[in-house]
Amino acid sequence: MQRLFLFFLGSLLTISVSAQEVVQVVTKVIEKTFNYQDGYEVNVEGQKAEIFVETWDKRQVGLRLEISAKHPEKATAETDLETVNFVAERIKNKIYLRNYRYGGAEQTESVLSVTYYITLPEDCPVYVKNYFGAANISNLTNRLRIFGEYSQIDIDNVKGLLDIRTRFGDVVGEKIDGNVTINARRSDVTLYEIAGNYQINAQYGILKLQPGAGLLGLDISAEKSEVYLYGDQPELYGYTLTAAHGKILTPENLRLLALEDTPEVQKVQFKPTRKETYPVITVSVTFGDVHLEKIPAEGLRY
């Protein structure tokens, strides 16, 4: 017992000394502005970066790039900070923004962080590639393409053409309207108040979608995934739902036509009787369930 007490006391002293250790933070800030013309596109390639894209009413693209290194020794932080390089240039109609490290994948002693703050016209097309980071994009109206690996993607109030491809990175979107394609692998997808046309392919994830009044069509193909469709008036939409090696769970008052009902496959259909035209939702899941449910009181982010 005495040895255990001494070990515990020694551990507390070690934690106390570590907690008092001062961390030095060295930061480099790069600010740049590009004139914008119709037909230009912003390309961002981040590595372990947080990327924020917002809009303004200027015909310019503004960049604030913050690169930081944290280490108990300031000299080490300064040395490691210099291993991070960046590109911010325009080549013809492309504005390229990129960060990368000298020395390849070699680990630094310091903790490095890179943050992009990009402000641009709402009609500027954007292409984001990010690895081991996060992207937060809002208020665009033209074309948005995203490729992410191990990166969280948040999208708010975006219209137009969207092409999102993600691996090991969740997607959360609100008020998205347009022609939308999403390919997600080992990623959860949560979308609120969606409008327009959607094509979603997913493997190994949870999909939660809340169709809005402007939805035109939704086509989901998923494997080893759970699909939840939320809405307080499911009878406004037409459905063709298929679950192979899974179940279809719907409200009791929704009169579904069974197209197939075997131990391996369930397939049902519903068509609104009071509407001549209506959005069609098609879901096909293999090794997963399909759920039609009311919107949870706590919202979809629970």
C-alpha atoms as a PDB file:
ATOM      1  CA  MET A   1       0.000   0.000   0.000  1.00  0.00           C
ATOM      2  CA  GLN A   2       2.885   2.409   0.837  1.00  0.00           C
ATOM      3  CA  ARG A   3       4.515   1.737  -2.538  1.00  0.00           C
ATOM      4  CA  LEU A   4       1.193   2.359  -4.267  1.00  0.00           C
ATOM      5  CA  PHE A   5       0.788   5.653  -2.399  1.00  0.00           C
ATOM      6  CA  LEU A   6       4.316   6.774  -3.302  1.00  0.00           C
ATOM      7  CA  PHE A   7       3.706   5.896  -6.944  1.00  0.00           C
ATOM      8  CA  PHE A   8       0.430   7.845  -6.916  1.00  0.00           C
ATOM      9  CA  LEU A   9       2.123  10.821  -5.258  1.00  0.00           C
ATOM     10  CA  GLY A  10       4.939  10.706  -7.803  1.00  0.00           C
ATOM     11  CA  SER A  11       2.429  10.644 -10.642  1.00  0.00           C
ATOM     12  CA  LEU A  12       0.676  13.719  -9.250  1.00  0.00           C
ATOM     13  CA  LEU A  13       3.975  15.600  -9.015  1.00  0.00           C
ATOM     14  CA  THR A  14       4.794  14.688 -12.626  1.00  0.00           C
ATOM     15  CA  ILE A  15       1.384  15.913 -13.805  1.00  0.00           C
ATOM     16  CA  SER A  16       1.790  19.113 -11.785  1.00  0.00           C
ATOM     17  CA  VAL A  17       5.209  19.862 -13.293  1.00  0.00           C
ATOM     18  CA  SER A  18       3.904  19.108 -16.804  1.00  0.00           C
ATOM     19  CA  ALA A  19       0.886  21.357 -16.277  1.00  0.00           C
ATOM     20  CA  GLN A  20       3.168  24.262 -15.324  1.00  0.00           C
ATOM     21  CA  GLU A  21       5.327  23.849 -18.433  1.00  0.00           C
ATOM     22  CA  VAL A  22       5.092  26.938 -20.612  1.00  0.00           C
ATOM     23  CA  VAL A  23       4.304  26.330 -24.287  1.00  0.00           C
ATOM     24  CA  GLN A  24       5.766  28.777 -26.788  1.00  0.00           C
ATOM     25  CA  VAL A  25       3.595  29.659 -29.786  1.00  0.00           C
ATOM     26  CA  VAL A  26       5.169  31.103 -32.911  1.00  0.00           C
ATOM     27  CA  THR A  27       2.805  32.270 -35.678  1.00  0.00           C
ATOM     28  CA  LYS A  28       3.333  33.409 -39.249  1.00  0.00           C
ATOM     29  CA  VAL A  29       0.518  35.376 -40.931  1.00  0.00           C
ATOM     30  CA  ILE A  30       0.232  35.750 -44.705  1.00  0.00           C
ATOM     31  CA  GLU A  31      -2.326  38.143 -46.146  1.00  0.00           C
ATOM     32  CA  LYS A  32      -2.976  38.545 -49.832  1.00  0.00           C
ATOM     33  CA  THR A  33      -5.697  39.886 -52.127  1.00  0.00           C
ATOM     34  CA  PHE A  34      -6.470  38.905 -55.726  1.00  0.00           C
ATOM     35  CA  ASN A  35      -8.700  40.812 -58.127  1.00  0.00           C
ATOM     36  CA  TYR A  36     -11.588  38.614 -59.246  1.00  0.00           C
ATOM     37  CA  GLN A  37     -13.108  38.290 -62.712  1.00  0.00           C
ATOM     38  CA  ASP A  38     -15.934  36.114 -64.017  1.00  0.00           C
ATOM     39  CA  GLY A  39     -14.546  32.699 -64.937  1.00  0.00           C
ATOM     40  CA  TYR A  40     -11.947  32.602 -62.168  1.00  0.00           C
ATOM     41  CA  GLU A  41     -11.869  29.688 -59.713  1.00  0.00           C
ATOM     42  CA  VAL A  42     -10.265  29.348 -56.290  1.00  0.00           C
ATOM     43  CA  ASN A  43      -8.361  26.086 -55.684  1.00  0.00           C
ATOM     44  CA  VAL A  44      -7.365  25.273 -52.101  1.00  0.00           C
ATOM     45  CA  GLU A  45      -5.183  22.307 -51.131  1.00  0.00           C
ATOM     46  CA  GLY A  46      -4.715  21.950 -47.405  1.00  0.00           C
ATOM     47  CA  GLN A  47      -2.728  19.493 -45.324  1.00  0.00           C
ATOM     48  CA  LYS A  48      -3.785  19.266 -41.676  1.00  0.00           C
ATOM     49  CA  ALA A  49      -5.512  22.607 -42.206  1.00  0.00           C
ATOM     50  CA  GLU A  50      -8.709  24.298 -41.136  1.00  0.00           C
ATOM     51  CA  ILE A  51     -10.298  26.069 -44.088  1.00  0.00           C
ATOM     52  CA  PHE A  52     -12.971  28.743 -43.731  1.00  0.00           C
ATOM     53  CA  VAL A  53     -14.625  30.086 -46.882  1.00  0.00           C
ATOM     54  CA  GLU A  54     -17.034  33.017 -46.608  1.00  0.00           C
ATOM     55  CA  THR A  55     -18.402  35.634 -49.004  1.00  0.00           C
ATOM     56  CA  TRP A  56     -18.438  39.424 -49.317  1.00  0.00           C
ATOM     57  CA  ASP A  57     -19.623  42.003 -51.850  1.00  0.00           C
ATOM     58  CA  LYS A  58     -16.151  42.875 -53.187  1.00  0.00           C
ATOM     59  CA  ARG A  59     -14.914  41.616 -56.562  1.00  0.00           C
ATOM     60  CA  GLN A  60     -11.803  40.327 -54.866  1.00  0.00           C
ATOM     61  CA  VAL A  61     -10.514  37.151 -53.255  1.00  0.00           C
ATOM     62  CA  GLY A  62      -9.022  37.815 -49.846  1.00  0.00           C
ATOM     63  CA  LEU A  63      -6.698  35.405 -48.018  1.00  0.00           C
ATOM     64  CA  ARG A  64      -5.483  35.362 -44.453  1.00  0.00           C
ATOM     65  CA  LEU A  65      -3.305  32.322 -43.760  1.00  0.00           C
ATOM     66  CA  GLU A  66      -2.137  31.645 -40.219  1.00  0.00           C
ATOM     67  CA  ILE A  67       0.598  29.051 -39.618  1.00  0.00           C
ATOM     68  CA  SER A  68       1.523  28.282 -36.026  1.00  0.00           C
ATOM     69  CA  ALA A  69       4.013  26.055 -34.212  1.00  0.00           C
ATOM     70  CA  LYS A  70       3.728  25.153 -30.501  1.00  0.00           C
ATOM     71  CA  HIS A  71       6.643  23.854 -28.419  1.00  0.00           C
ATOM     72  CA  PRO A  72       8.123  24.466 -24.952  1.00  0.00           C
ATOM     73  CA  GLU A  73      11.263  25.846 -26.615  1.00  0.00           C
ATOM     74  CA  LYS A  74      10.773  28.879 -28.809  1.00  0.00           C
ATOM     75  CA  ALA A  75      13.792  28.077 -30.989  1.00  0.00           C
ATOM     76  CA  THR A  76      12.373  24.645 -31.807  1.00  0.00           C
ATOM     77  CA  ALA A  77       8.982  26.156 -32.656  1.00  0.00           C
ATOM     78  CA  GLU A  78      10.627  28.707 -34.951  1.00  0.00           C
ATOM     79  CA  THR A  79      12.659  26.000 -36.710  1.00  0.00           C
ATOM     80  CA  ASP A  80       9.643  23.751 -37.238  1.00  0.00           C
ATOM     81  CA  LEU A  81       7.535  26.674 -38.443  1.00  0.00           C
ATOM     82  CA  GLU A  82       9.977  27.201 -41.315  1.00  0.00           C
ATOM     83  CA  THR A  83       9.320  23.656 -42.569  1.00  0.00           C
ATOM     84  CA  VAL A  84       5.803  24.723 -43.608  1.00  0.00           C
ATOM     85  CA  ASN A  85       5.677  26.238 -47.062  1.00  0.00           C
ATOM     86  CA  PHE A  86       2.747  27.837 -48.831  1.00  0.00           C
ATOM     87  CA  VAL A  87       1.649  28.906 -52.289  1.00  0.00           C
ATOM     88  CA  ALA A  88      -0.721  31.786 -52.999  1.00  0.00           C
ATOM     89  CA  GLU A  89      -0.716  32.732 -56.664  1.00  0.00           C
ATOM     90  CA  ARG A  90      -2.910  33.177 -59.723  1.00  0.00           C
ATOM     91  CA  ILE A  91      -2.165  31.235 -62.887  1.00  0.00           C
ATOM     92  CA  LYS A  92      -4.489  32.297 -65.698  1.00  0.00           C
ATOM     93  CA  ASN A  93      -8.015  31.826 -64.322  1.00  0.00           C
ATOM     94  CA  LYS A  94      -7.006  29.734 -61.288  1.00  0.00           C
ATOM     95  CA  ILE A  95      -6.160  31.174 -57.884  1.00  0.00           C
ATOM     96  CA  TYR A  96      -4.075  28.525 -56.128  1.00  0.00           C
ATOM     97  CA  LEU A  97      -3.756  28.350 -52.339  1.00  0.00           C
ATOM     98  CA  ARG A  98      -1.729  25.522 -50.861  1.00  0.00           C
ATOM     99  CA  ASN A  99       0.310  24.560 -47.810  1.00  0.00           C
ATOM    100  CA  TYR A 100       2.832  21.738 -47.560  1.00  0.00           C
ATOM    101  CA  ARG A 101       5.918  20.772 -45.578  1.00  0.00           C
ATOM    102  CA  TYR A 102       9.560  20.478 -46.493  1.00  0.00           C
ATOM    103  CA  GLY A 103      11.008  17.145 -45.431  1.00  0.00           C
ATOM    104  CA  GLY A 104       8.084  15.039 -46.551  1.00  0.00           C
ATOM    105  CA  ALA A 105       6.177  13.151 -43.885  1.00  0.00           C
ATOM    106  CA  GLU A 106       8.852  13.459 -41.178  1.00  0.00           C
ATOM    107  CA  GLN A 107       7.270  14.370 -37.841  1.00  0.00           C
ATOM    108  CA  THR A 108       8.197  17.696 -36.242  1.00  0.00           C
ATOM    109  CA  GLU A 109       8.794  18.208 -32.528  1.00  0.00           C
ATOM    110  CA  SER A 110       6.310  21.081 -32.519  1.00  0.00           C
ATOM    111  CA  VAL A 111       2.558  20.912 -32.920  1.00  0.00           C
ATOM    112  CA  LEU A 112       1.781  22.635 -36.233  1.00  0.00           C
ATOM    113  CA  SER A 113      -1.526  24.210 -37.245  1.00  0.00           C
ATOM    114  CA  VAL A 114      -2.624  25.892 -40.463  1.00  0.00           C
ATOM    115  CA  THR A 115      -5.778  27.988 -40.829  1.00  0.00           C
ATOM    116  CA  TYR A 116      -7.122  29.535 -44.034  1.00  0.00           C
ATOM    117  CA  TYR A 117      -9.573  32.431 -43.918  1.00  0.00           C
ATOM    118  CA  ILE A 118     -10.799  32.966 -47.481  1.00  0.00           C
ATOM    119  CA  THR A 119     -13.322  35.630 -48.460  1.00  0.00           C
ATOM    120  CA  LEU A 120     -14.622  35.827 -52.016  1.00  0.00           C
ATOM    121  CA  PRO A 121     -17.620  36.782 -54.201  1.00  0.00           C
ATOM    122  CA  GLU A 122     -20.585  34.472 -53.759  1.00  0.00           C
ATOM    123  CA  ASP A 123     -20.528  33.442 -57.439  1.00  0.00           C
ATOM    124  CA  CYS A 124     -16.858  32.370 -57.350  1.00  0.00           C
ATOM    125  CA  PRO A 125     -16.400  28.630 -58.042  1.00  0.00           C
ATOM    126  CA  VAL A 126     -14.417  26.851 -55.324  1.00  0.00           C
ATOM    127  CA  TYR A 127     -12.460  23.590 -55.289  1.00  0.00           C
ATOM    128  CA  VAL A 128     -11.185  22.366 -51.914  1.00  0.00           C
ATOM    129  CA  LYS A 129      -8.879  19.415 -51.253  1.00  0.00           C
ATOM    130  CA  ASN A 130      -8.050  18.751 -47.634  1.00  0.00           C
ATOM    131  CA  TYR A 131      -6.284  15.997 -45.713  1.00  0.00           C
ATOM    132  CA  PHE A 132      -6.536  15.513 -41.933  1.00  0.00           C
ATOM    133  CA  GLY A 133      -8.279  18.855 -41.359  1.00  0.00           C
ATOM    134  CA  ALA A 134     -11.650  20.580 -41.602  1.00  0.00           C
ATOM    135  CA  ALA A 135     -13.542  22.791 -44.050  1.00  0.00           C
ATOM    136  CA  ASN A 136     -16.329  25.253 -43.288  1.00  0.00           C
ATOM    137  CA  ILE A 137     -18.000  26.807 -46.345  1.00  0.00           C
ATOM    138  CA  SER A 138     -21.009  29.132 -46.551  1.00  0.00           C
ATOM    139  CA  ASN A 139     -23.132  31.320 -48.843  1.00  0.00           C
ATOM    140  CA  LEU A 140     -21.809  30.276 -52.267  1.00  0.00           C
ATOM    141  CA  THR A 141     -24.073  30.332 -55.344  1.00  0.00           C
ATOM    142  CA  ASN A 142     -22.079  28.816 -58.205  1.00  0.00           C
ATOM    143  CA  ARG A 143     -19.997  25.617 -58.104  1.00  0.00           C
ATOM    144  CA  LEU A 144     -18.399  23.863 -55.153  1.00  0.00           C
ATOM    145  CA  ARG A 145     -16.186  20.802 -55.311  1.00  0.00           C
ATOM    146  CA  ILE A 146     -14.706  19.173 -52.234  1.00  0.00           C
ATOM    147  CA  PHE A 147     -12.375  16.218 -51.816  1.00  0.00           C
ATOM    148  CA  GLY A 148     -11.576  15.331 -48.236  1.00  0.00           C
ATOM    149  CA  GLU A 149      -9.799  12.567 -46.364  1.00  0.00           C
ATOM    150  CA  TYR A 150     -10.026  12.443 -42.572  1.00  0.00           C
ATOM    151  CA  SER A 151     -11.572  15.915 -42.741  1.00  0.00           C
ATOM    152  CA  GLN A 152     -14.836  17.265 -41.336  1.00  0.00           C
ATOM    153  CA  ILE A 153     -16.913  19.182 -43.911  1.00  0.00           C
ATOM    154  CA  ASP A 154     -19.509  21.782 -42.867  1.00  0.00           C
ATOM    155  CA  ILE A 155     -21.619  23.535 -45.503  1.00  0.00           C
ATOM    156  CA  ASP A 156     -24.214  26.238 -44.880  1.00  0.00           C
ATOM    157  CA  ASN A 157     -26.534  28.031 -47.328  1.00  0.00           C
ATOM    158  CA  VAL A 158     -24.850  26.956 -50.566  1.00  0.00           C
ATOM    159  CA  LYS A 159     -26.554  26.819 -53.975  1.00  0.00           C
ATOM    160  CA  GLY A 160     -25.480  25.577 -57.387  1.00  0.00           C
ATOM    161  CA  LEU A 161     -23.465  22.549 -58.495  1.00  0.00           C
ATOM    162  CA  LEU A 162     -21.959  20.571 -55.626  1.00  0.00           C
ATOM    163  CA  ASP A 163     -19.637  17.583 -55.875  1.00  0.00           C
ATOM    164  CA  ILE A 164     -18.486  16.239 -52.514  1.00  0.00           C
ATOM    165  CA  ARG A 165     -16.185  13.262 -52.089  1.00  0.00           C
ATOM    166  CA  THR A 166     -15.081  12.209 -48.628  1.00  0.00           C
ATOM    167  CA  ARG A 167     -13.318   9.348 -46.874  1.00  0.00           C
ATOM    168  CA  PHE A 168     -13.230   9.130 -43.079  1.00  0.00           C
ATOM    169  CA  GLY A 169     -14.694  12.636 -42.808  1.00  0.00           C
ATOM    170  CA  ASP A 170     -18.257  13.505 -41.817  1.00  0.00           C
ATOM    171  CA  VAL A 171     -20.404  15.930 -43.828  1.00  0.00           C
ATOM    172  CA  VAL A 172     -22.895  18.301 -42.194  1.00  0.00           C
ATOM    173  CA  GLY A 173     -24.942  20.606 -44.429  1.00  0.00           C
ATOM    174  CA  GLU A 174     -27.833  23.006 -43.995  1.00  0.00           C
ATOM    175  CA  LYS A 175     -29.939  24.816 -46.603  1.00  0.00           C
ATOM    176  CA  ILE A 176     -28.221  23.306 -49.640  1.00  0.00           C
ATOM    177  CA  ASP A 177     -30.006  23.801 -52.956  1.00  0.00           C
ATOM    178  CA  GLY A 178     -28.866  22.639 -56.382  1.00  0.00           C
ATOM    179  CA  ASN A 179     -27.586  19.620 -58.247  1.00  0.00           C
ATOM    180  CA  VAL A 180     -25.689  17.732 -55.575  1.00  0.00           C
ATOM    181  CA  THR A 181     -23.493  14.634 -55.801  1.00  0.00           C
ATOM    182  CA  ILE A 182     -22.052  13.085 -52.654  1.00  0.00           C
ATOM    183  CA  ASN A 183     -19.738  10.076 -52.469  1.00  0.00           C
ATOM    184  CA  ALA A 184     -18.963   9.138 -48.876  1.00  0.00           C
ATOM    185  CA  ARG A 185     -16.971   6.209 -47.513  1.00  0.00           C
ATOM    186  CA  ARG A 186     -16.754   5.553 -43.783  1.00  0.00           C
ATOM    187  CA  SER A 187     -18.320   8.956 -43.238  1.00  0.00           C
ATOM    188  CA  ASP A 188     -21.595  10.115 -41.724  1.00  0.00           C
ATOM    189  CA  VAL A 189     -23.732  12.542 -43.740  1.00  0.00           C
ATOM    190  CA  THR A 190     -26.260  14.859 -42.057  1.00  0.00           C
ATOM    191  CA  LEU A 191     -28.220  17.313 -44.219  1.00  0.00           C
ATOM    192  CA  TYR A 192     -30.971  19.717 -43.113  1.00  0.00           C
ATOM    193  CA  GLU A 193     -33.582  21.460 -45.251  1.00  0.00           C
ATOM    194  CA  ILE A 194     -32.265  20.232 -48.570  1.00  0.00           C
ATOM    195  CA  ALA A 195     -33.625  21.360 -51.942  1.00  0.00           C
ATOM    196  CA  GLY A 196     -32.803  20.481 -55.539  1.00  0.00           C
ATOM    197  CA  ASN A 197     -31.615  17.126 -56.912  1.00  0.00           C
ATOM    198  CA  TYR A 198     -29.373  14.729 -54.989  1.00  0.00           C
ATOM    199  CA  GLN A 199     -27.329  11.671 -55.910  1.00  0.00           C
ATOM    200  CA  ILE A 200     -25.729  10.075 -52.842  1.00  0.00           C
ATOM    201  CA  ASN A 201     -23.500   7.008 -52.724  1.00  0.00           C
ATOM    202  CA  ALA A 202     -22.337   5.840 -49.313  1.00  0.00           C
ATOM    203  CA  GLN A 203     -20.537   2.931 -47.672  1.00  0.00           C
ATOM    204  CA  TYR A 204     -20.109   2.290 -43.950  1.00  0.00           C
ATOM    205  CA  GLY A 205     -21.870   5.363 -42.602  1.00  0.00           C
ATOM    206  CA  ILE A 206     -25.035   6.871 -41.150  1.00  0.00           C
ATOM    207  CA  LEU A 207     -27.110   9.129 -43.395  1.00  0.00           C
ATOM    208  CA  LYS A 208     -29.605  11.573 -41.855  1.00  0.00           C
ATOM    209  CA  LEU A 209     -31.541  13.767 -44.269  1.00  0.00           C
ATOM    210  CA  GLN A 210     -34.347  16.257 -43.844  1.00  0.00           C
ATOM    211  CA  PRO A 211     -35.953  17.116 -47.214  1.00  0.00           C
ATOM    212  CA  GLY A 212     -37.185  20.680 -47.582  1.00  0.00           C
ATOM    213  CA  ALA A 213     -40.013  22.202 -49.596  1.00  0.00           C
ATOM    214  CA  GLY A 214     -37.779  22.679 -52.625  1.00  0.00           C
ATOM    215  CA  LEU A 215     -36.622  19.088 -52.972  1.00  0.00           C
ATOM    216  CA  LEU A 216     -36.900  17.880 -56.570  1.00  0.00           C
ATOM    217  CA  GLY A 217     -35.403  14.415 -56.295  1.00  0.00           C
ATOM    218  CA  LEU A 218     -33.277  12.256 -53.993  1.00  0.00           C
ATOM    219  CA  ASP A 219     -31.494   9.061 -55.013  1.00  0.00           C
ATOM    220  CA  ILE A 220     -29.514   7.173 -52.359  1.00  0.00           C
ATOM    221  CA  SER A 221     -27.449   4.045 -52.910  1.00  0.00           C
ATOM    222  CA  ALA A 222     -25.811   2.749 -49.736  1.00  0.00           C
ATOM    223  CA  GLU A 223     -23.963  -0.292 -48.460  1.00  0.00           C
ATOM    224  CA  LYS A 224     -23.514  -1.337 -44.829  1.00  0.00           C
ATOM    225  CA  SER A 225     -25.139   1.943 -43.822  1.00  0.00           C
ATOM    226  CA  GLU A 226     -28.188   3.248 -41.985  1.00  0.00           C
ATOM    227  CA  VAL A 227     -30.444   5.731 -43.809  1.00  0.00           C
ATOM    228  CA  TYR A 228     -32.800   8.059 -41.921  1.00  0.00           C
ATOM    229  CA  LEU A 229     -35.290  10.320 -43.720  1.00  0.00           C
ATOM    230  CA  TYR A 230     -36.863  12.918 -41.445  1.00  0.00           C
ATOM    231  CA  GLY A 231     -40.018  14.937 -42.017  1.00  0.00           C
ATOM    232  CA  ASP A 232     -43.340  15.703 -40.389  1.00  0.00           C
ATOM    233  CA  GLN A 233     -45.238  15.235 -43.693  1.00  0.00           C
ATOM    234  CA  PRO A 234     -43.770  12.152 -45.414  1.00  0.00           C
ATOM    235  CA  GLU A 235     -46.943  11.813 -47.502  1.00  0.00           C
ATOM    236  CA  LEU A 236     -45.809  14.759 -49.670  1.00  0.00           C
ATOM    237  CA  TYR A 237     -43.156  12.642 -51.386  1.00  0.00           C
ATOM    238  CA  GLY A 238     -43.103   9.554 -53.552  1.00  0.00           C
ATOM    239  CA  TYR A 239     -40.913   6.699 -52.328  1.00  0.00           C
ATOM    240  CA  THR A 240     -39.271   3.594 -53.675  1.00  0.00           C
ATOM    241  CA  LEU A 241     -37.392   2.000 -50.782  1.00  0.00           C
ATOM    242  CA  THR A 242     -35.311  -1.166 -50.956  1.00  0.00           C
ATOM    243  CA  ALA A 243     -33.435  -2.920 -48.168  1.00  0.00           C
ATOM    244  CA  ALA A 244     -31.386  -6.013 -48.957  1.00  0.00           C
ATOM    245  CA  HIS A 245     -30.509  -7.903 -45.775  1.00  0.00           C
ATOM    246  CA  GLY A 246     -32.139  -5.118 -43.770  1.00  0.00           C
ATOM    247  CA  LYS A 247     -35.463  -3.579 -42.755  1.00  0.00           C
ATOM    248  CA  ILE A 248     -37.714  -0.713 -43.834  1.00  0.00           C
ATOM    249  CA  LEU A 249     -39.271   1.158 -40.931  1.00  0.00           C
ATOM    250  CA  THR A 250     -42.010   3.701 -41.747  1.00  0.00           C
ATOM    251  CA  PRO A 251     -44.953   5.462 -40.017  1.00  0.00           C
ATOM    252  CA  GLU A 252     -48.050   3.290 -39.651  1.00  0.00           C
ATOM    253  CA  ASN A 253     -50.311   5.813 -41.401  1.00  0.00           C
ATOM    254  CA  LEU A 254     -48.237   5.713 -44.593  1.00  0.00           C
ATOM    255  CA  ARG A 255     -49.905   3.163 -46.849  1.00  0.00           C
ATOM    256  CA  LEU A 256     -47.071   1.458 -48.664  1.00  0.00           C
ATOM    257  CA  LEU A 257     -47.325  -0.920 -51.593  1.00  0.00           C
ATOM    258  CA  ALA A 258     -45.124  -3.980 -51.070  1.00  0.00           C
ATOM    259  CA  LEU A 259     -43.230  -4.752 -54.265  1.00  0.00           C
ATOM    260  CA  GLU A 260     -41.079  -7.468 -52.749  1.00  0.00           C
ATOM    261  CA  ASP A 261     -41.059  -9.128 -49.342  1.00  0.00           C
ATOM    262  CA  THR A 262     -38.623 -11.991 -48.838  1.00  0.00           C
ATOM    263  CA  PRO A 263     -36.170 -12.861 -46.059  1.00  0.00           C
ATOM    264  CA  GLU A 264     -33.423 -11.279 -48.169  1.00  0.00           C
ATOM    265  CA  VAL A 265     -35.136  -8.238 -49.715  1.00  0.00           C
ATOM    266  CA  GLN A 266     -37.823  -5.767 -48.726  1.00  0.00           C
ATOM    267  CA  LYS A 267     -39.033  -3.298 -51.354  1.00  0.00           C
ATOM    268  CA  VAL A 268     -41.950  -0.879 -50.960  1.00  0.00           C
ATOM    269  CA  GLN A 269     -43.432   2.035 -52.881  1.00  0.00           C
ATOM    270  CA  PHE A 270     -45.611   5.012 -52.060  1.00  0.00           C
ATOM    271  CA  LYS A 271     -47.247   7.575 -54.341  1.00  0.00           C
ATOM    272  CA  PRO A 272     -49.153  10.637 -53.067  1.00  0.00           C
ATOM    273  CA  THR A 273     -52.811  10.469 -54.118  1.00  0.00           C
ATOM    274  CA  ARG A 274     -53.577  14.190 -53.814  1.00  0.00           C
ATOM    275  CA  LYS A 275     -50.744  15.513 -55.970  1.00  0.00           C
ATOM    276  CA  GLU A 276     -50.104  15.137 -59.680  1.00  0.00           C
ATOM    277  CA  THR A 277     -46.432  16.032 -59.406  1.00  0.00           C
ATOM    278  CA  TYR A 278     -44.224  15.342 -56.416  1.00  0.00           C
ATOM    279  CA  PRO A 279     -40.554  14.772 -55.550  1.00  0.00           C
ATOM    280  CA  VAL A 280     -39.410  11.166 -55.776  1.00  0.00           C
ATOM    281  CA  ILE A 281     -37.126   9.674 -53.140  1.00  0.00           C
ATOM    282  CA  THR A 282     -35.363   6.437 -54.071  1.00  0.00           C
ATOM    283  CA  VAL A 283     -33.312   4.563 -51.485  1.00  0.00           C
ATOM    284  CA  SER A 284     -31.487   1.290 -51.967  1.00  0.00           C
ATOM    285  CA  VAL A 285     -29.512  -0.130 -49.039  1.00  0.00           C
ATOM    286  CA  THR A 286     -27.560  -3.370 -48.784  1.00  0.00           C
ATOM    287  CA  PHE A 287     -26.848  -4.635 -45.263  1.00  0.00           C
ATOM    288  CA  GLY A 288     -28.605  -1.727 -43.580  1.00  0.00           C
ATOM    289  CA  ASP A 289     -32.007  -0.328 -42.644  1.00  0.00           C
ATOM    290  CA  VAL A 290     -34.158   2.497 -44.017  1.00  0.00           C
ATOM    291  CA  HIS A 291     -36.023   4.697 -41.532  1.00  0.00           C
ATOM    292  CA  LEU A 292     -38.805   7.230 -42.178  1.00  0.00           C
ATOM    293  CA  GLU A 293     -39.263   9.239 -39.005  1.00  0.00           C
ATOM    294  CA  LYS A 294     -40.479  12.553 -37.648  1.00  0.00           C
ATOM    295  CA  ILE A 295     -37.916  15.281 -37.001  1.00  0.00           C
ATOM    296  CA  PRO A 296     -36.463  14.726 -33.503  1.00  0.00           C
ATOM    297  CA  ALA A 297     -37.270  17.456 -30.980  1.00  0.00           C
ATOM    298  CA  GLU A 298     -33.541  17.880 -30.308  1.00  0.00           C
ATOM    299  CA  GLY A 299     -32.716  18.181 -34.035  1.00  0.00           C
ATOM    300  CA  LEU A 300     -30.520  15.980 -36.208  1.00  0.00           C
ATOM    301  CA  ARG A 301     -27.261  16.808 -34.433  1.00  0.00           C
ATOM    302  CA  TYR A 302     -28.080  14.623 -31.436  1.00  0.00           C
END
